[in-house]
């Protein structure tokens, strides 16, 4: 069975948050202050509220009926800001991130956006490689930025 991507439903929120927290806990790219802030922003209740306002705000990837990935985004004027995408560490290198980014581009067009943009930590080469494969272009580097850390900004023009 292949990877499928769909909109998150309210009942999925606890599983999505648990996976988000699991991935956040093991990634080395964020300091403790950043991790604490991100955990607060993306709690299950907030994910449900985000999807009530915008059904495409959270996409989930499934494999064999289990949620194995997530993509969290929001409208930013007529752009889409990609807040997070991630995959269960047990299924990495199976195309989960790529599948999520493909569906995000479809949903961005459906939402009326002409571009998706996001950031990565400068040392997060894993996410950067997935973004490059999905035709994102690095725009600039922001040093000593959010939470005192260095980031790259990325964009993908749709259309």
N, C-alpha and C. Protein backbone atom coordinates (compact mmCIF):
# COMPACT_ATOMS: atom_id res chain seq x y z
N UNK A 1 0.84 -1.18 0.00
CA UNK A 1 0.00 0.00 0.00
C UNK A 1 0.89 1.24 0.00
N UNK A 2 0.52 2.27 -0.76
CA UNK A 2 1.32 3.47 -0.88
C UNK A 2 0.95 4.55 0.12
N UNK A 3 1.68 5.64 0.07
CA UNK A 3 1.43 6.79 0.92
C UNK A 3 0.26 7.57 0.35
N UNK A 4 -0.68 7.92 1.19
CA UNK A 4 -1.77 8.79 0.80
C UNK A 4 -1.71 10.05 1.66
N UNK A 5 -2.10 11.17 1.08
CA UNK A 5 -2.11 12.44 1.80
C UNK A 5 -3.52 13.00 1.74
N UNK A 6 -3.98 13.47 2.87
CA UNK A 6 -5.33 14.03 2.98
C UNK A 6 -5.36 15.14 4.01
N UNK A 7 -6.48 15.84 4.04
CA UNK A 7 -6.68 16.86 5.07
C UNK A 7 -6.83 16.19 6.44
N UNK A 8 -6.30 16.82 7.47
CA UNK A 8 -6.48 16.32 8.82
C UNK A 8 -7.94 16.48 9.23
N UNK A 9 -8.47 15.48 9.90
CA UNK A 9 -9.80 15.55 10.49
C UNK A 9 -9.64 15.78 11.99
N UNK A 10 -10.64 16.35 12.66
CA UNK A 10 -10.50 16.64 14.09
C UNK A 10 -10.05 15.44 14.93
N UNK A 11 -10.54 14.26 14.61
CA UNK A 11 -10.16 13.06 15.38
C UNK A 11 -8.69 12.69 15.20
N UNK A 12 -8.04 13.21 14.15
CA UNK A 12 -6.63 12.92 13.90
C UNK A 12 -5.70 13.77 14.76
N UNK A 13 -6.20 14.86 15.30
CA UNK A 13 -5.35 15.86 15.96
C UNK A 13 -4.46 15.29 17.07
N UNK A 14 -4.97 14.44 17.96
CA UNK A 14 -4.06 13.91 19.00
C UNK A 14 -2.90 13.10 18.40
N UNK A 15 -3.17 12.30 17.39
CA UNK A 15 -2.10 11.52 16.76
C UNK A 15 -1.12 12.42 16.03
N UNK A 16 -1.61 13.46 15.39
CA UNK A 16 -0.73 14.39 14.68
C UNK A 16 0.17 15.11 15.68
N UNK A 17 -0.42 15.59 16.78
CA UNK A 17 0.39 16.28 17.78
C UNK A 17 1.41 15.34 18.41
N UNK A 18 1.03 14.12 18.68
CA UNK A 18 1.97 13.14 19.26
C UNK A 18 3.13 12.91 18.32
N UNK A 19 2.85 12.76 17.02
CA UNK A 19 3.92 12.58 16.05
C UNK A 19 4.78 13.84 15.94
N UNK A 20 4.15 15.00 15.88
CA UNK A 20 4.88 16.26 15.84
C UNK A 20 5.83 16.36 17.03
N UNK A 21 5.33 16.08 18.22
CA UNK A 21 6.14 16.17 19.43
C UNK A 21 7.28 15.15 19.41
N UNK A 22 7.00 13.97 18.91
CA UNK A 22 8.04 12.94 18.81
C UNK A 22 9.17 13.37 17.88
N UNK A 23 8.80 13.92 16.73
CA UNK A 23 9.80 14.38 15.77
C UNK A 23 10.57 15.57 16.35
N UNK A 24 9.85 16.51 16.93
CA UNK A 24 10.50 17.69 17.50
C UNK A 24 11.50 17.31 18.59
N UNK A 25 11.15 16.33 19.40
CA UNK A 25 12.02 15.92 20.50
C UNK A 25 13.37 15.40 20.03
N UNK A 26 13.41 14.76 18.87
CA UNK A 26 14.66 14.12 18.44
C UNK A 26 15.47 14.92 17.44
N UNK A 27 14.90 15.99 16.89
CA UNK A 27 15.70 16.75 15.93
C UNK A 27 16.71 17.63 16.66
N UNK A 28 17.91 17.69 16.14
CA UNK A 28 18.97 18.44 16.82
C UNK A 28 19.04 19.92 16.43
N UNK A 29 18.16 20.38 15.57
CA UNK A 29 18.31 21.70 14.97
C UNK A 29 17.79 22.85 15.82
N UNK A 30 16.94 22.57 16.78
CA UNK A 30 16.30 23.63 17.55
C UNK A 30 16.77 23.61 19.00
N UNK A 31 16.95 24.80 19.56
CA UNK A 31 17.32 24.88 20.96
C UNK A 31 16.07 24.65 21.83
N UNK A 32 16.28 24.54 23.13
CA UNK A 32 15.17 24.23 24.04
C UNK A 32 14.08 25.29 24.01
N UNK A 33 14.46 26.55 23.90
CA UNK A 33 13.49 27.64 23.85
C UNK A 33 12.60 27.50 22.62
N UNK A 34 13.20 27.21 21.48
CA UNK A 34 12.43 27.04 20.24
C UNK A 34 11.50 25.83 20.34
N UNK A 35 12.00 24.72 20.87
CA UNK A 35 11.15 23.53 20.99
C UNK A 35 9.95 23.78 21.89
N UNK A 36 10.16 24.46 23.00
CA UNK A 36 9.06 24.76 23.92
C UNK A 36 8.01 25.64 23.22
N UNK A 37 8.45 26.64 22.48
CA UNK A 37 7.52 27.52 21.78
C UNK A 37 6.73 26.76 20.72
N UNK A 38 7.41 25.90 19.97
CA UNK A 38 6.73 25.15 18.91
C UNK A 38 5.72 24.16 19.48
N UNK A 39 6.05 23.52 20.58
CA UNK A 39 5.09 22.60 21.22
C UNK A 39 3.81 23.33 21.61
N UNK A 40 3.95 24.54 22.10
CA UNK A 40 2.79 25.32 22.51
C UNK A 40 1.94 25.73 21.31
N UNK A 41 2.57 26.12 20.22
CA UNK A 41 1.86 26.60 19.03
C UNK A 41 1.04 25.52 18.33
N UNK A 42 1.48 24.27 18.42
CA UNK A 42 0.87 23.24 17.59
C UNK A 42 0.21 22.12 18.39
N UNK A 43 -0.36 22.46 19.52
CA UNK A 43 -1.12 21.48 20.32
C UNK A 43 -2.33 21.01 19.52
N UNK A 44 -2.86 19.85 19.91
CA UNK A 44 -3.98 19.25 19.18
C UNK A 44 -5.16 20.20 19.06
N UNK A 45 -5.50 20.91 20.14
CA UNK A 45 -6.65 21.82 20.11
C UNK A 45 -6.43 22.93 19.08
N UNK A 46 -5.20 23.41 18.98
CA UNK A 46 -4.90 24.48 18.02
C UNK A 46 -4.96 23.95 16.60
N UNK A 47 -4.49 22.72 16.37
CA UNK A 47 -4.56 22.13 15.04
C UNK A 47 -6.01 22.00 14.59
N UNK A 48 -6.89 21.60 15.50
CA UNK A 48 -8.31 21.49 15.16
C UNK A 48 -8.87 22.86 14.81
N UNK A 49 -8.54 23.87 15.61
CA UNK A 49 -9.02 25.22 15.34
C UNK A 49 -8.49 25.74 14.01
N UNK A 50 -7.24 25.47 13.72
CA UNK A 50 -6.65 25.90 12.45
C UNK A 50 -7.39 25.27 11.27
N UNK A 51 -7.71 24.00 11.39
CA UNK A 51 -8.40 23.31 10.29
C UNK A 51 -9.86 23.75 10.17
N UNK A 52 -10.46 24.16 11.28
CA UNK A 52 -11.84 24.69 11.20
C UNK A 52 -11.84 25.99 10.40
N UNK A 53 -10.79 26.79 10.56
CA UNK A 53 -10.69 28.05 9.83
C UNK A 53 -10.22 27.85 8.39
N UNK A 54 -9.38 26.84 8.16
CA UNK A 54 -8.81 26.56 6.85
C UNK A 54 -8.62 25.05 6.74
N UNK A 55 -9.51 24.36 6.03
CA UNK A 55 -9.43 22.89 5.97
C UNK A 55 -8.10 22.33 5.46
N UNK A 56 -7.32 23.15 4.74
CA UNK A 56 -6.03 22.69 4.22
C UNK A 56 -4.86 23.03 5.15
N UNK A 57 -5.14 23.55 6.34
CA UNK A 57 -4.07 23.99 7.25
C UNK A 57 -3.17 22.84 7.71
N UNK A 58 -3.74 21.66 7.85
CA UNK A 58 -2.93 20.51 8.27
C UNK A 58 -3.24 19.35 7.34
N UNK A 59 -2.21 18.86 6.69
CA UNK A 59 -2.31 17.66 5.85
C UNK A 59 -1.63 16.52 6.58
N UNK A 60 -2.16 15.32 6.41
CA UNK A 60 -1.54 14.15 7.01
C UNK A 60 -1.21 13.13 5.94
N UNK A 61 -0.11 12.44 6.16
CA UNK A 61 0.28 11.33 5.28
C UNK A 61 -0.03 10.04 6.02
N UNK A 62 -0.60 9.10 5.29
CA UNK A 62 -0.92 7.79 5.87
C UNK A 62 -0.20 6.70 5.09
N UNK A 63 0.20 5.69 5.82
CA UNK A 63 0.78 4.49 5.25
C UNK A 63 0.19 3.32 5.99
N UNK A 64 -0.43 2.41 5.27
CA UNK A 64 -1.09 1.25 5.88
C UNK A 64 -2.07 1.66 6.97
N UNK A 65 -2.79 2.76 6.74
CA UNK A 65 -3.82 3.21 7.66
C UNK A 65 -3.34 3.98 8.87
N UNK A 66 -2.03 4.18 9.00
CA UNK A 66 -1.49 4.92 10.14
C UNK A 66 -0.96 6.27 9.68
N UNK A 67 -1.14 7.29 10.52
CA UNK A 67 -0.60 8.61 10.23
C UNK A 67 0.91 8.57 10.45
N UNK A 68 1.64 8.86 9.37
CA UNK A 68 3.11 8.79 9.42
C UNK A 68 3.78 10.12 9.07
N UNK A 69 2.98 11.14 8.79
CA UNK A 69 3.55 12.43 8.45
C UNK A 69 2.52 13.53 8.57
N UNK A 70 3.02 14.77 8.62
CA UNK A 70 2.16 15.93 8.75
C UNK A 70 2.77 17.10 8.01
N UNK A 71 1.92 18.01 7.60
CA UNK A 71 2.33 19.25 6.97
C UNK A 71 1.40 20.34 7.50
N UNK A 72 1.97 21.30 8.22
CA UNK A 72 1.19 22.35 8.85
C UNK A 72 1.51 23.66 8.12
N UNK A 73 0.47 24.36 7.68
CA UNK A 73 0.67 25.60 6.95
C UNK A 73 -0.44 26.58 7.29
N UNK A 74 -0.25 27.81 6.81
CA UNK A 74 -1.29 28.82 7.01
C UNK A 74 -1.21 29.83 5.87
N UNK A 75 -2.34 30.45 5.60
CA UNK A 75 -2.35 31.53 4.62
C UNK A 75 -1.63 32.73 5.22
N UNK A 76 -0.85 33.38 4.40
CA UNK A 76 -0.10 34.58 4.78
C UNK A 76 -0.32 35.57 3.65
N UNK A 77 -1.39 36.36 3.78
CA UNK A 77 -1.90 37.19 2.70
C UNK A 77 -2.23 36.25 1.53
N UNK A 78 -1.68 36.43 0.35
CA UNK A 78 -2.00 35.51 -0.74
C UNK A 78 -0.89 34.49 -0.98
N UNK A 79 -0.12 34.23 0.07
CA UNK A 79 0.92 33.20 0.06
C UNK A 79 0.56 32.14 1.08
N UNK A 80 1.22 31.00 1.00
CA UNK A 80 1.10 29.98 2.04
C UNK A 80 2.43 29.89 2.76
N UNK A 81 2.38 29.96 4.08
CA UNK A 81 3.56 29.76 4.92
C UNK A 81 3.56 28.31 5.37
N UNK A 82 4.58 27.59 5.01
CA UNK A 82 4.77 26.20 5.43
C UNK A 82 5.46 26.23 6.79
N UNK A 83 4.70 25.94 7.82
CA UNK A 83 5.24 25.99 9.18
C UNK A 83 6.09 24.77 9.49
N UNK A 84 5.57 23.60 9.20
CA UNK A 84 6.26 22.34 9.52
C UNK A 84 5.85 21.25 8.55
N UNK A 85 6.78 20.40 8.23
CA UNK A 85 6.44 19.09 7.65
C UNK A 85 7.39 18.09 8.28
N UNK A 86 6.89 16.91 8.51
CA UNK A 86 7.72 15.91 9.15
C UNK A 86 7.17 14.51 8.94
N UNK A 87 8.02 13.54 9.19
CA UNK A 87 7.65 12.14 9.01
C UNK A 87 8.09 11.33 10.21
N UNK A 88 7.34 10.31 10.49
CA UNK A 88 7.70 9.36 11.53
C UNK A 88 9.11 8.83 11.21
N UNK A 89 10.01 8.88 12.17
CA UNK A 89 11.38 8.39 11.91
C UNK A 89 11.43 6.95 11.42
N UNK A 90 10.42 6.16 11.75
CA UNK A 90 10.40 4.76 11.32
C UNK A 90 10.11 4.57 9.84
N UNK A 91 9.63 5.63 9.17
CA UNK A 91 9.31 5.50 7.74
C UNK A 91 10.05 6.53 6.89
N UNK A 92 11.10 7.10 7.42
CA UNK A 92 11.86 8.08 6.64
C UNK A 92 12.47 7.40 5.42
N UNK A 93 12.72 8.18 4.40
CA UNK A 93 13.28 7.73 3.12
C UNK A 93 12.28 6.88 2.34
N UNK A 94 10.99 7.08 2.61
CA UNK A 94 9.95 6.38 1.86
C UNK A 94 9.10 7.36 1.06
N UNK A 95 9.49 8.64 1.02
CA UNK A 95 8.78 9.61 0.22
C UNK A 95 7.65 10.36 0.92
N UNK A 96 7.58 10.26 2.25
CA UNK A 96 6.50 10.92 2.99
C UNK A 96 6.59 12.44 2.82
N UNK A 97 7.76 13.01 3.05
CA UNK A 97 7.93 14.46 2.92
C UNK A 97 7.61 14.95 1.53
N UNK A 98 8.09 14.24 0.53
CA UNK A 98 7.82 14.63 -0.86
C UNK A 98 6.33 14.58 -1.17
N UNK A 99 5.65 13.56 -0.70
CA UNK A 99 4.21 13.44 -0.93
C UNK A 99 3.46 14.59 -0.25
N UNK A 100 3.87 14.95 0.95
CA UNK A 100 3.24 16.06 1.65
C UNK A 100 3.45 17.37 0.91
N UNK A 101 4.66 17.62 0.43
CA UNK A 101 4.93 18.86 -0.28
C UNK A 101 4.19 18.94 -1.61
N UNK A 102 4.03 17.81 -2.29
CA UNK A 102 3.24 17.81 -3.53
C UNK A 102 1.80 18.21 -3.24
N UNK A 103 1.22 17.62 -2.21
CA UNK A 103 -0.17 17.94 -1.87
C UNK A 103 -0.30 19.36 -1.34
N UNK A 104 0.72 19.84 -0.64
CA UNK A 104 0.69 21.23 -0.17
C UNK A 104 0.61 22.18 -1.36
N UNK A 105 1.35 21.92 -2.41
CA UNK A 105 1.30 22.78 -3.60
C UNK A 105 -0.10 22.77 -4.21
N UNK A 106 -0.73 21.61 -4.27
CA UNK A 106 -2.10 21.51 -4.79
C UNK A 106 -3.04 22.32 -3.91
N UNK A 107 -2.91 22.16 -2.60
CA UNK A 107 -3.81 22.87 -1.68
C UNK A 107 -3.55 24.37 -1.71
N UNK A 108 -2.30 24.77 -1.93
CA UNK A 108 -1.99 26.21 -2.00
C UNK A 108 -2.69 26.86 -3.19
N UNK A 109 -2.69 26.18 -4.33
CA UNK A 109 -3.41 26.70 -5.49
C UNK A 109 -4.90 26.76 -5.19
N UNK A 110 -5.43 25.72 -4.58
CA UNK A 110 -6.85 25.69 -4.22
C UNK A 110 -7.19 26.86 -3.28
N UNK A 111 -6.25 27.24 -2.44
CA UNK A 111 -6.45 28.34 -1.49
C UNK A 111 -6.22 29.71 -2.12
N UNK A 112 -5.82 29.74 -3.38
CA UNK A 112 -5.64 31.01 -4.07
C UNK A 112 -4.25 31.60 -3.94
N UNK A 113 -3.29 30.82 -3.48
CA UNK A 113 -1.92 31.32 -3.30
C UNK A 113 -1.13 31.22 -4.60
N UNK A 114 -0.14 32.08 -4.76
CA UNK A 114 0.74 32.00 -5.92
C UNK A 114 2.15 31.55 -5.52
N UNK A 115 2.36 31.38 -4.20
CA UNK A 115 3.69 30.97 -3.73
C UNK A 115 3.56 30.32 -2.36
N UNK A 116 4.47 29.38 -2.10
CA UNK A 116 4.64 28.80 -0.77
C UNK A 116 6.02 29.22 -0.29
N UNK A 117 6.11 29.60 0.97
CA UNK A 117 7.42 29.95 1.52
C UNK A 117 7.58 29.33 2.89
N UNK A 118 8.83 29.20 3.33
CA UNK A 118 9.12 28.53 4.60
C UNK A 118 10.54 28.84 5.01
N UNK A 119 10.93 28.26 6.13
CA UNK A 119 12.31 28.38 6.57
C UNK A 119 12.83 27.01 6.97
N UNK A 120 14.14 26.90 7.03
CA UNK A 120 14.81 25.74 7.64
C UNK A 120 15.97 26.28 8.45
N UNK A 121 16.35 25.53 9.44
CA UNK A 121 17.61 25.84 10.10
C UNK A 121 18.72 25.62 9.08
N UNK A 122 19.79 26.40 9.17
CA UNK A 122 20.87 26.30 8.18
C UNK A 122 21.55 24.94 8.20
N UNK A 123 21.49 24.24 9.32
CA UNK A 123 22.13 22.93 9.40
C UNK A 123 21.15 21.76 9.18
N UNK A 124 19.92 22.06 8.81
CA UNK A 124 18.92 21.01 8.58
C UNK A 124 18.97 20.57 7.11
N UNK A 125 20.02 19.86 6.77
CA UNK A 125 20.21 19.44 5.38
C UNK A 125 19.17 18.42 4.93
N UNK A 126 18.61 17.67 5.86
CA UNK A 126 17.59 16.68 5.51
C UNK A 126 16.36 17.37 4.91
N UNK A 127 15.83 18.37 5.61
CA UNK A 127 14.67 19.10 5.07
C UNK A 127 15.03 19.88 3.82
N UNK A 128 16.23 20.45 3.81
CA UNK A 128 16.65 21.22 2.64
C UNK A 128 16.66 20.36 1.38
N UNK A 129 17.12 19.14 1.49
CA UNK A 129 17.17 18.28 0.30
C UNK A 129 15.76 17.94 -0.21
N UNK A 130 14.82 17.77 0.70
CA UNK A 130 13.44 17.49 0.29
C UNK A 130 12.85 18.73 -0.39
N UNK A 131 13.13 19.90 0.18
CA UNK A 131 12.63 21.14 -0.43
C UNK A 131 13.21 21.35 -1.83
N UNK A 132 14.50 21.14 -2.00
CA UNK A 132 15.13 21.30 -3.32
C UNK A 132 14.49 20.34 -4.32
N UNK A 133 14.27 19.09 -3.93
CA UNK A 133 13.63 18.12 -4.84
C UNK A 133 12.22 18.55 -5.23
N UNK A 134 11.58 19.34 -4.35
CA UNK A 134 10.21 19.81 -4.62
C UNK A 134 10.21 21.19 -5.28
N UNK A 135 11.37 21.61 -5.80
CA UNK A 135 11.50 22.86 -6.55
C UNK A 135 11.40 24.13 -5.71
N UNK A 136 11.75 24.04 -4.45
CA UNK A 136 11.88 25.25 -3.62
C UNK A 136 13.26 25.85 -3.89
N UNK A 137 13.34 27.16 -3.81
CA UNK A 137 14.57 27.89 -4.04
C UNK A 137 14.94 28.63 -2.75
N UNK A 138 16.20 28.53 -2.37
CA UNK A 138 16.66 29.25 -1.18
C UNK A 138 16.76 30.74 -1.52
N UNK A 139 16.15 31.56 -0.70
CA UNK A 139 16.07 33.00 -0.95
C UNK A 139 17.17 33.75 -0.22
N UNK A 140 17.38 33.44 1.06
CA UNK A 140 18.37 34.19 1.84
C UNK A 140 18.68 33.45 3.13
N UNK A 141 19.67 33.95 3.83
CA UNK A 141 20.03 33.44 5.14
C UNK A 141 19.74 34.51 6.18
N UNK A 142 19.14 34.12 7.27
CA UNK A 142 18.87 35.00 8.40
C UNK A 142 19.72 34.52 9.57
N UNK A 143 20.70 35.31 9.95
CA UNK A 143 21.57 34.91 11.06
C UNK A 143 21.05 35.49 12.38
N UNK A 144 21.28 34.72 13.43
CA UNK A 144 20.87 35.13 14.78
C UNK A 144 19.43 35.62 14.77
N UNK A 145 18.54 34.80 14.25
CA UNK A 145 17.15 35.21 14.03
C UNK A 145 16.25 34.58 15.08
N UNK A 146 15.19 33.86 14.66
CA UNK A 146 14.25 33.29 15.62
C UNK A 146 15.02 32.48 16.66
N UNK A 147 14.72 32.75 17.91
CA UNK A 147 15.33 32.03 19.04
C UNK A 147 16.85 32.08 19.00
N UNK A 148 17.40 33.13 18.38
CA UNK A 148 18.85 33.31 18.32
C UNK A 148 19.56 32.31 17.42
N UNK A 149 18.83 31.72 16.47
CA UNK A 149 19.41 30.70 15.60
C UNK A 149 19.43 31.18 14.15
N UNK A 150 20.20 30.48 13.32
CA UNK A 150 20.35 30.83 11.90
C UNK A 150 19.38 30.02 11.05
N UNK A 151 18.79 30.70 10.06
CA UNK A 151 17.79 30.08 9.20
C UNK A 151 18.04 30.46 7.74
N UNK A 152 17.54 29.60 6.85
CA UNK A 152 17.40 29.94 5.43
C UNK A 152 15.90 30.15 5.18
N UNK A 153 15.57 31.09 4.33
CA UNK A 153 14.20 31.23 3.81
C UNK A 153 14.15 30.59 2.44
N UNK A 154 13.02 29.94 2.14
CA UNK A 154 12.80 29.23 0.89
C UNK A 154 11.49 29.67 0.29
N UNK A 155 11.37 29.51 -1.04
CA UNK A 155 10.10 29.78 -1.71
C UNK A 155 9.91 28.85 -2.89
N UNK A 156 8.64 28.63 -3.18
CA UNK A 156 8.27 27.87 -4.38
C UNK A 156 7.15 28.65 -5.05
N UNK A 157 7.40 29.07 -6.28
CA UNK A 157 6.38 29.75 -7.06
C UNK A 157 5.46 28.71 -7.68
N UNK A 158 4.17 28.93 -7.59
CA UNK A 158 3.18 27.98 -8.09
C UNK A 158 2.69 28.44 -9.45
N UNK A 159 2.27 27.47 -10.23
CA UNK A 159 1.63 27.93 -11.40
C UNK A 159 1.87 27.43 -12.69
